[in-house]
Structure formats: C-alpha cells, structure tokens
Amino acid sequence: MKLLKENRDGIVVITLEGEFDAFVIKAFNNEITKILEEGTDRIVLNLGPVKFVNSTALGSILRAHKECARAGGSLVVSQPSVAVRDAMQSLGLDRHFSICATDDEAIAALQGEGAVDIDPDSASAVMIHIPESTRTQVAKMTRLDSDSLECRLNKPPDKLVHGRTVQLKFRLPLYRKEYFEPAARIEAVESGTAGTTLAMRFTEISPDDQAAIESFVADMNELRRAARGQA
C-alpha cells in the first residue's frame, strides 16, 4: 500500500492506494501518531484508490478517528472506493463516519467541525431577546459548537432576521447549573414545515462559558462514539 500525505491549510489529506490490510496497519498507525504529535488534529482520509480493506484495517481507522477527537479534531473519509464502501456498510461503519465525495468537501466539513447535534427531546430551550424589544422568544436548541448555535422555533420569527444581534440565555441540562448568556448575531433564517431554524454566531461570550461549551461538545461526541462501539 502507498501512503501519500499533503498539508492543506492545517488539514492533512492522506491518500491510501492499494490493499489496506493487517500488514500495513502499523505504518498507518505510526503516520497518524506522527501527524498528531506535529500538532495537526484534522485529517482527511482519501480511500478512493484502495482496492481492498479488511475489518482490522477499518478498526485502525476507527482508532485514528478517536485519537483525532481526543486531540480536539476529527477524521473524515473522502471518496471511498466501492470495495471500501461495501466493507464499511457490511459492518455498519458508514453510519459513524463523515463521508464526503471529494477532498475539498471533506476539508470544508472539517473547517466547520466541532459542532454537536442536540437531542430534540432534551430540555435545551434557548431564550432569545432582542435588545430593543420587551418580548422574549423561546426556541429549541438543535446544534451547538464553541462559537455558534442553531435553534428551531415552532412559529415564524418576530423581528428575528439575518444580521440582527440578540441576547441568548440557555442551559445545558445535567452538565452545568448556571446559565450561558452570550450575545449572538443571526447568520441565517430558514423556514420549513417543521418550523423556523435560526443559525447564530456568538459575538460576545465569556472565556469560561466558551471553554465550558467546548468541553461539553467534546464530552458529548465522545459519549456518542462510545455508545456506537467506537472504542
């Protein structure tokens, strides 16, 4: 198996070519360790030229994904060959990886990495207050990362439009008792049959709150990987 490596703006793209089996796992693991030790925790793994992959090799990819996550990053699979995709599907692994059609799409996905989807049945309500208004709207949080948040309203938004600055107040149940109260700017508003989704980016947030959110996102991703058997 051949291994090609390219650094693209702080994201390492690894392209594997040939047969990925037990005989080359050590070399692959060593390369992942080296990349992480060099300070890069975001990796695109291009498996397009791979003609064969076995379960042991797929296990090593899972471990690499976990190591990247522990370092605060992630690993995304790019354009897997038919053989790789079939093997991943047979083991149910395709549901646990981010799989992109091209390296560019994978890089774009990693550049937006770090978010965690919030269980829609949880009690993660978000109170949204427009400074010049006396009315507070309540939405359901659907996605969160260290510098942005998405939420959904059941009714059309009142004065919540693109570019509007708002004050947020929310808690992360079972994680921290205190409220988070960042200011945010509305980046996108999308209405559909399920309600209206707001995408907001924090403009003012305390260092402690930002660190706590980063820790929450990392913990949630780790728990969900463990629940899926990605040990």
Protein backbone atom coordinates (compact mmCIF):
# COMPACT_ATOMS: atom_id res chain seq x y z
CA MET A 1 0.00 0.00 0.00
CA LYS A 2 1.16 3.51 -0.82
CA LEU A 3 0.52 6.42 1.52
CA LEU A 4 0.60 9.98 0.23
CA LYS A 5 0.33 12.97 2.57
CA GLU A 6 -0.45 16.62 1.88
CA ASN A 7 -0.99 19.52 4.28
CA ARG A 8 -3.72 21.87 3.10
CA ASP A 9 -4.13 24.91 5.32
CA GLY A 10 -3.62 22.97 8.54
CA ILE A 11 -5.62 19.92 7.45
CA VAL A 12 -3.67 16.81 6.46
CA VAL A 13 -5.00 14.85 3.49
CA ILE A 14 -3.85 11.21 3.47
CA THR A 15 -4.41 9.21 0.30
CA LEU A 16 -4.08 5.44 0.53
CA GLU A 17 -3.50 3.33 -2.56
CA GLY A 18 -3.55 -0.47 -2.89
CA GLU A 19 -4.61 -3.03 -0.29
CA PHE A 20 -5.25 -1.90 3.27
CA ASP A 21 -4.85 -4.95 5.49
CA ALA A 22 -3.08 -6.14 8.65
CA PHE A 23 0.36 -5.94 7.03
CA VAL A 24 0.25 -2.16 6.69
CA ILE A 25 -1.75 -1.16 9.78
CA LYS A 26 1.38 -0.44 11.83
CA ALA A 27 2.67 2.00 9.23
CA PHE A 28 -0.74 3.70 9.07
CA ASN A 29 -1.00 3.97 12.86
CA ASN A 30 2.52 5.39 13.07
CA GLU A 31 1.67 8.03 10.47
CA ILE A 32 -1.45 9.08 12.39
CA THR A 33 0.57 9.33 15.61
CA LYS A 34 3.22 11.42 13.85
CA ILE A 35 0.63 13.82 12.44
CA LEU A 36 -0.98 14.32 15.84
CA GLU A 37 2.39 14.81 17.53
CA GLU A 38 3.15 17.52 14.98
CA GLY A 39 0.08 19.38 16.18
CA THR A 40 -2.47 18.57 13.46
CA ASP A 41 -5.74 17.02 14.62
CA ARG A 42 -7.87 17.31 11.44
CA ILE A 43 -7.36 14.61 8.84
CA VAL A 44 -8.98 13.74 5.52
CA LEU A 45 -8.56 10.07 4.64
CA ASN A 46 -8.92 9.55 0.88
CA LEU A 47 -9.75 5.87 0.30
CA GLY A 48 -10.57 6.15 -3.40
CA PRO A 49 -7.54 4.17 -4.67
CA VAL A 50 -7.94 1.39 -2.05
CA LYS A 51 -8.72 -1.89 -3.77
CA PHE A 52 -9.24 -3.97 -0.63
CA VAL A 53 -9.77 -3.32 3.07
CA ASN A 54 -10.38 -5.79 5.90
CA SER A 55 -12.10 -5.39 9.26
CA THR A 56 -8.79 -4.98 11.10
CA ALA A 57 -7.85 -2.06 8.88
CA LEU A 58 -11.26 -0.48 9.38
CA GLY A 59 -10.70 -0.84 13.11
CA SER A 60 -7.48 1.12 12.80
CA ILE A 61 -9.39 3.91 11.02
CA LEU A 62 -11.86 3.98 13.91
CA ARG A 63 -9.00 4.28 16.38
CA ALA A 64 -7.46 7.09 14.32
CA HIS A 65 -10.81 8.88 14.35
CA LYS A 66 -10.97 8.56 18.15
CA GLU A 67 -7.40 9.81 18.58
CA CYS A 68 -8.17 12.86 16.46
CA ALA A 69 -11.29 13.52 18.53
CA ARG A 70 -9.31 13.27 21.78
CA ALA A 71 -6.94 15.86 20.40
CA GLY A 72 -9.88 18.14 19.65
CA GLY A 73 -10.19 17.44 15.92
CA SER A 74 -11.70 14.83 13.64
CA LEU A 75 -11.10 12.44 10.75
CA VAL A 76 -13.28 12.49 7.65
CA VAL A 77 -13.34 9.80 4.94
CA SER A 78 -13.15 11.04 1.36
CA GLN A 79 -14.41 9.32 -1.84
CA PRO A 80 -14.17 5.70 -0.62
CA SER A 81 -13.87 3.09 -3.36
CA VAL A 82 -16.68 0.61 -3.95
CA ALA A 83 -14.71 -2.04 -2.05
CA VAL A 84 -14.24 0.25 0.95
CA ARG A 85 -17.83 1.46 0.98
CA ASP A 86 -19.15 -2.10 0.77
CA ALA A 87 -16.92 -3.18 3.67
CA MET A 88 -17.98 -0.21 5.78
CA GLN A 89 -21.66 -0.83 5.05
CA SER A 90 -21.39 -4.53 5.89
CA LEU A 91 -20.09 -3.64 9.35
CA GLY A 92 -22.42 -0.69 9.81
CA LEU A 93 -19.50 1.74 9.98
CA ASP A 94 -20.78 4.04 7.24
CA ARG A 95 -23.26 5.49 9.77
CA HIS A 96 -20.46 6.53 12.13
CA PHE A 97 -18.14 8.35 9.72
CA SER A 98 -18.48 11.62 7.90
CA ILE A 99 -18.07 10.55 4.25
CA CYS A 100 -17.52 13.13 1.53
CA ALA A 101 -17.43 12.86 -2.26
CA THR A 102 -14.22 14.87 -2.67
CA ASP A 103 -11.25 16.04 -0.66
CA ASP A 104 -12.45 19.64 -0.99
CA GLU A 105 -15.83 18.75 0.52
CA ALA A 106 -14.09 16.89 3.35
CA ILE A 107 -11.85 19.89 4.07
CA ALA A 108 -14.87 22.18 4.10
CA ALA A 109 -16.60 19.80 6.53
CA LEU A 110 -13.59 19.82 8.85
CA GLN A 111 -13.33 23.57 8.74
CA GLY A 112 -16.84 23.61 10.22
CA GLU A 113 -16.16 20.70 12.59
CA GLY A 114 -16.69 20.88 16.32
CA ALA A 115 -20.45 21.09 16.48
CA VAL A 116 -22.65 18.59 18.24
CA ASP A 117 -26.29 17.86 17.44
CA ILE A 118 -28.60 18.32 20.42
CA ASP A 119 -31.28 15.75 21.13
CA PRO A 120 -34.56 17.42 20.06
CA ASP A 121 -36.33 15.76 23.00
CA SER A 122 -33.98 17.32 25.56
CA ALA A 123 -34.84 20.31 27.71
CA SER A 124 -32.31 22.57 25.93
CA ALA A 125 -34.51 25.62 25.49
CA VAL A 126 -32.98 28.87 24.24
CA MET A 127 -34.42 32.21 25.28
CA ILE A 128 -33.88 34.85 22.60
CA HIS A 129 -34.16 38.52 23.48
CA ILE A 130 -33.90 41.42 21.05
CA PRO A 131 -32.38 44.34 22.97
CA GLU A 132 -34.92 46.93 21.81
CA SER A 133 -37.90 44.61 22.38
CA THR A 134 -39.71 43.65 25.57
CA ARG A 135 -40.65 40.25 24.16
CA THR A 136 -38.54 37.12 24.64
CA GLN A 137 -38.94 34.20 22.28
CA VAL A 138 -38.22 30.61 23.24
CA ALA A 139 -36.71 28.13 20.80
CA LYS A 140 -35.37 24.58 20.94
CA MET A 141 -31.61 24.17 20.58
CA THR A 142 -30.68 21.76 17.77
CA ARG A 143 -26.95 22.29 17.32
CA LEU A 144 -24.09 23.79 19.31
CA ASP A 145 -20.39 24.42 18.99
CA SER A 146 -17.88 26.69 20.68
CA ASP A 147 -18.79 29.80 18.69
CA SER A 148 -22.26 29.21 17.25
CA LEU A 149 -25.69 27.78 17.93
CA GLU A 150 -28.70 26.63 15.92
CA CYS A 151 -32.24 26.50 17.25
CA ARG A 152 -35.77 25.97 15.97
CA LEU A 153 -38.92 28.00 16.54
CA ASN A 154 -42.36 26.47 16.08
CA LYS A 155 -43.76 29.71 14.67
CA PRO A 156 -42.48 32.37 12.27
CA PRO A 157 -39.88 34.56 13.96
CA ASP A 158 -40.83 38.02 15.18
CA LYS A 159 -38.08 40.52 14.25
CA LEU A 160 -35.53 37.69 14.15
CA VAL A 161 -33.91 38.40 10.79
CA HIS A 162 -30.49 37.97 9.23
CA GLY A 163 -27.93 40.33 10.76
CA ARG A 164 -29.91 41.01 13.93
CA THR A 165 -27.94 40.98 17.19
CA VAL A 166 -29.72 39.21 20.04
CA GLN A 167 -29.08 38.17 23.62
CA LEU A 168 -29.30 34.45 24.37
CA LYS A 169 -29.88 32.59 27.59
CA PHE A 170 -29.73 28.80 27.83
CA ARG A 171 -28.59 25.90 29.96
CA LEU A 172 -27.05 22.54 29.19
CA PRO A 173 -29.10 20.17 31.42
CA LEU A 174 -27.14 17.70 33.53
CA TYR A 175 -23.90 19.47 32.57
CA ARG A 176 -23.88 22.84 34.32
CA LYS A 177 -26.43 24.54 36.57
CA GLU A 178 -25.56 28.10 35.59
CA TYR A 179 -26.99 29.76 32.50
CA PHE A 180 -24.95 30.70 29.45
CA GLU A 181 -25.78 34.24 28.36
CA PRO A 182 -23.85 35.13 25.19
CA ALA A 183 -24.72 37.80 22.65
CA ALA A 184 -25.10 36.50 19.10
CA ARG A 185 -25.68 37.61 15.53
CA ILE A 186 -28.26 35.84 13.36
CA GLU A 187 -26.42 34.38 10.37
CA ALA A 188 -29.29 32.53 8.66
CA VAL A 189 -33.05 32.11 8.90
CA GLU A 190 -34.70 29.12 7.22
CA SER A 191 -38.42 28.36 7.41
CA GLY A 192 -39.94 24.95 6.73
CA THR A 193 -42.78 22.63 7.65
CA ALA A 194 -41.09 21.77 10.98
CA GLY A 195 -40.71 25.42 11.96
CA THR A 196 -38.06 28.11 11.55
CA THR A 197 -34.38 27.37 12.06
CA LEU A 198 -32.04 30.14 13.20
CA ALA A 199 -28.28 29.88 12.84
CA MET A 200 -26.45 32.28 15.16
CA ARG A 201 -22.81 33.07 15.84
CA PHE A 202 -21.69 34.31 19.25
CA THR A 203 -20.37 37.87 19.24
CA GLU A 204 -19.80 38.21 22.99
CA ILE A 205 -19.15 35.26 25.29
CA SER A 206 -17.05 34.90 28.42
CA PRO A 207 -13.89 32.76 28.20
CA ASP A 208 -15.28 30.48 30.92
CA ASP A 209 -18.54 29.93 29.03
CA GLN A 210 -16.72 29.25 25.77
CA ALA A 211 -14.40 26.76 27.48
CA ALA A 212 -17.40 25.04 29.11
CA ILE A 213 -19.19 24.72 25.77
CA GLU A 214 -16.07 23.32 24.12
CA SER A 215 -15.80 20.76 26.93
CA PHE A 216 -19.50 19.86 26.59
CA VAL A 217 -19.21 19.33 22.83
CA ALA A 218 -16.12 17.14 23.25
CA ASP A 219 -17.76 15.08 26.01
CA MET A 220 -20.97 14.56 24.04
CA ASN A 221 -19.11 13.46 20.92
CA GLU A 222 -17.01 11.06 22.99
CA LEU A 223 -20.08 9.57 24.68
CA ARG A 224 -21.87 9.08 21.38
CA ARG A 225 -18.85 7.42 19.82
CA ALA A 226 -18.63 5.09 22.81
CA ALA A 227 -22.34 4.28 22.52
CA ARG A 228 -21.81 3.34 18.88
CA GLY A 229 -19.00 0.99 19.82
CA GLN A 230 -16.18 3.20 18.54
CA ALA A 231 -13.83 2.19 21.35
